[in-house]
Amino acid sequence: CLFDTLGVMADNVGTAIGEGSLPGIYVPPILKYWNDIGRENPMDRTLLPLMECLGSITVVCGMNYQPWAVETFEMAMSTIEGCMMII
C-alpha cells in the first residue's frame, strides 16, 4: 500500500522528507483522499494505514506540518464521530 510505503519512508529517511516545501507535494493529496473516503465510509479499512502514515509524516515534518494541523484534527474528529454513529 502506498500509505505503508510513505510511512516507512518517513520513519527511515527522517526529517529530510519534511523540509521546505516538500510536504506541500504529498500531504494535500493524502488529506483529500482521507476526506473523500472518510465522509463516504468512516469505517473504510484503508483509513488505518492512512492515519499511521500521517502519524509518521507529522513527526518528521514537525512545524512544517502546521498548515494542515487544524484540517487533520478536524478530519480525525469527524472520522471518530462517524464511527461512533455507526457503532
Protein backbone atom coordinates (compact mmCIF):
# COMPACT_ATOMS: atom_id res chain seq x y z
CA CYS A 1 0.00 0.00 0.00
CA LEU A 2 1.21 3.49 -0.79
CA PHE A 3 0.47 4.69 2.72
CA ASP A 4 2.67 1.99 4.24
CA THR A 5 5.47 3.00 1.88
CA LEU A 6 5.19 6.68 2.79
CA GLY A 7 5.09 5.85 6.50
CA VAL A 8 8.18 3.65 6.28
CA MET A 9 9.97 6.33 4.27
CA ALA A 10 9.11 8.93 6.89
CA ASP A 11 10.33 6.66 9.68
CA ASN A 12 13.59 5.75 7.96
CA VAL A 13 14.52 8.82 5.92
CA GLY A 14 13.60 11.15 8.72
CA THR A 15 13.28 14.90 8.65
CA ALA A 16 14.57 15.20 5.07
CA ILE A 17 11.09 14.41 3.73
CA GLY A 18 9.59 17.17 5.83
CA GLU A 19 11.88 20.00 4.83
CA GLY A 20 10.89 23.14 2.94
CA SER A 21 8.00 22.89 0.53
CA LEU A 22 8.26 19.11 0.06
CA PRO A 23 5.32 18.26 2.36
CA GLY A 24 3.15 20.52 0.20
CA ILE A 25 3.54 17.99 -2.59
CA TYR A 26 2.35 14.87 -0.80
CA VAL A 27 0.30 15.95 2.26
CA PRO A 28 -2.65 17.64 0.44
CA PRO A 29 -3.42 14.56 -1.75
CA ILE A 30 -3.33 12.31 1.33
CA LEU A 31 -5.72 14.62 3.19
CA LYS A 32 -8.01 14.83 0.14
CA TYR A 33 -8.15 11.04 -0.07
CA TRP A 34 -8.93 10.85 3.65
CA ASN A 35 -11.65 13.46 3.30
CA ASP A 36 -13.23 11.71 0.31
CA ILE A 37 -13.14 8.20 1.80
CA GLY A 38 -13.84 9.25 5.39
CA ARG A 39 -17.05 11.05 4.51
CA GLU A 40 -18.24 8.12 2.41
CA ASN A 41 -17.34 5.39 4.91
CA PRO A 42 -15.54 6.25 8.16
CA MET A 43 -15.00 2.52 8.78
CA ASP A 44 -13.11 2.02 5.50
CA ARG A 45 -10.10 -0.28 6.00
CA THR A 46 -7.74 2.00 4.09
CA LEU A 47 -8.09 4.73 6.70
CA LEU A 48 -5.96 2.94 9.31
CA PRO A 49 -2.81 2.75 7.13
CA LEU A 50 -3.51 6.33 6.05
CA MET A 51 -3.61 7.52 9.66
CA GLU A 52 -0.47 5.56 10.53
CA CYS A 53 1.25 7.18 7.56
CA LEU A 54 0.15 10.64 8.64
CA GLY A 55 1.35 9.94 12.17
CA SER A 56 4.85 9.23 10.87
CA ILE A 57 4.75 12.19 8.50
CA THR A 58 3.68 14.67 11.16
CA VAL A 59 6.53 13.62 13.43
CA VAL A 60 9.21 14.11 10.79
CA CYS A 61 7.67 17.32 9.39
CA GLY A 62 7.43 18.93 12.80
CA MET A 63 6.43 22.59 12.44
CA ASN A 64 6.31 22.25 8.64
CA TYR A 65 3.08 20.28 9.13
CA GLN A 66 1.40 23.27 10.76
CA PRO A 67 -0.53 24.39 7.62
CA TRP A 68 -2.50 21.12 7.74
CA ALA A 69 -2.72 20.60 11.50
CA VAL A 70 -6.20 22.04 12.03
CA GLU A 71 -7.62 20.25 8.98
CA THR A 72 -6.08 16.97 10.16
CA PHE A 73 -7.52 17.40 13.65
CA GLU A 74 -10.98 18.24 12.31
CA MET A 75 -10.96 15.25 9.95
CA ALA A 76 -9.83 12.95 12.76
CA MET A 77 -12.69 14.16 14.95
CA SER A 78 -15.13 13.75 12.06
CA THR A 79 -13.92 10.19 11.44
CA ILE A 80 -14.28 9.33 15.13
CA GLU A 81 -17.77 10.82 15.18
CA GLY A 82 -18.73 8.90 12.02
CA CYS A 83 -17.50 5.65 13.54
CA MET A 84 -19.40 6.31 16.76
CA MET A 85 -22.60 6.93 14.81
CA ILE A 86 -22.22 3.58 13.04
CA ILE A 87 -21.49 1.70 16.24
